[in-house]
Amino acid sequence: MDFGVVLQTNPPASRVIQLSKLAEAHGFSHVWTFDSHLLWEEPYVIYSAILAETRKVTVGPFVTNPATRDWTVTASVFATLNEMYGNRTICGIGRGDSAVRVTNGKPSTLKELRESIHVIRELANSRAVEYNGATLQFPWSTGSELDVWVAAYGPLALKLTGEVADGFILQLADLDIAAWMIQTVKDAAAAAGRDPESIAFCVAAPMYIGEDREHMRDQCRWFGGMVGNHVADIVAKYGTDGAVPQALTDYIAGRTGYDYNSHGKSHNDHVDFVPDEIVDRFCVLGTPDEHIAKLKALRALGVTQFAGYLQHDNKEETLRVYGETVIPALREKVTAKS
């Protein structure tokens, strides 16, 4: 299992770069960041500095979208970074949440998402692509490599992911929901004639090493609010019965408004509707042994990367314990009992 860290590009940018370097030193393979240009600093500028000051980590957005950035510009950024620093970029993409909703916009359609994935991937892999009636290719790009991982929740988005994505991003660490969604993606891949095992499966959630359960929950409750935005959309479309797991819909009944200016912040003051049980199910909290046990269970479901959010007050210690204890335990040879 690989490990990533998910950061917000809050100023000062030097702090983001510092945490990225620390993550690499502790054995993390990926550094991801939020991508909402109004709420946080421009991530692609910061990626260049992260890549310049690290040796191995792969960087990318968690996640970008087709609506707020021109697809060809997005591809050009990745191809340029790859030329400058080697092939150390990755593209996480979804329909769009905070980046579009903060401007009263709407998420992209699945058709737009599918098309954008194709255009971005082809151009950023130094290949030609048909776009708006023209054949496009970067004449300066050779040997660039970019995987595109798709963040999805709803049944149709999961189907699209299985059909076209290099990887699947699930932003919650609930075992029951992960099992259902991973299998849905694999089934869609098989139906499309793809090898399901060729797809990377990334589960992302807040990771907090500690023993004060109440404090850890309060620091990570924001995540249930953030995930609730996606769940609310799914429930509105599909209802509370049917294809969507009941565990994913039970807590939405208490959700009211949502202020994107507090999006992804530990001091978010309007996530009281998120119960303790959901925080525990969606996040990875507790002692090193508790982290190891949950991550081994996720690995058994087919998860190939865990990406931990660090929006809390225990960043350095969590990274240290992961580097010294958790990551080595998950990189041990898989046995029948693990």
Foldseek 3Di string as FASTA:
>chain_A
DAEEAEEEQAPPLVVVLVLLQLLVVLRHQEYEYADAVVLHPHVLVSVLVNLVPDQGHAYEYPAAECPPDPLVVLLVSQLVSCVVRNQRYEHEYEQDDLNAVVVPHDGHDVVSRLVSQVSSQQQQQQHWDQDPNDIDHDPPGDRGHYFYEYEDQALVSLLSRLQDHQEYEYEFLFLVSLLLSLVSSLVSVVVNVHHSLSYAYEYEAAEEEDAPLVQVCLQRLLSVVQLLVRLVVNCVVPNCDDSHDNVSPPLNVPADDDDSSCRPASVDDRSPSRDSVRSVRGHQYYHLVSNQVSVVSSVVSPHPYYYHYDRGDCSSVRSNCCSVPRVVSVPPDDDPVD
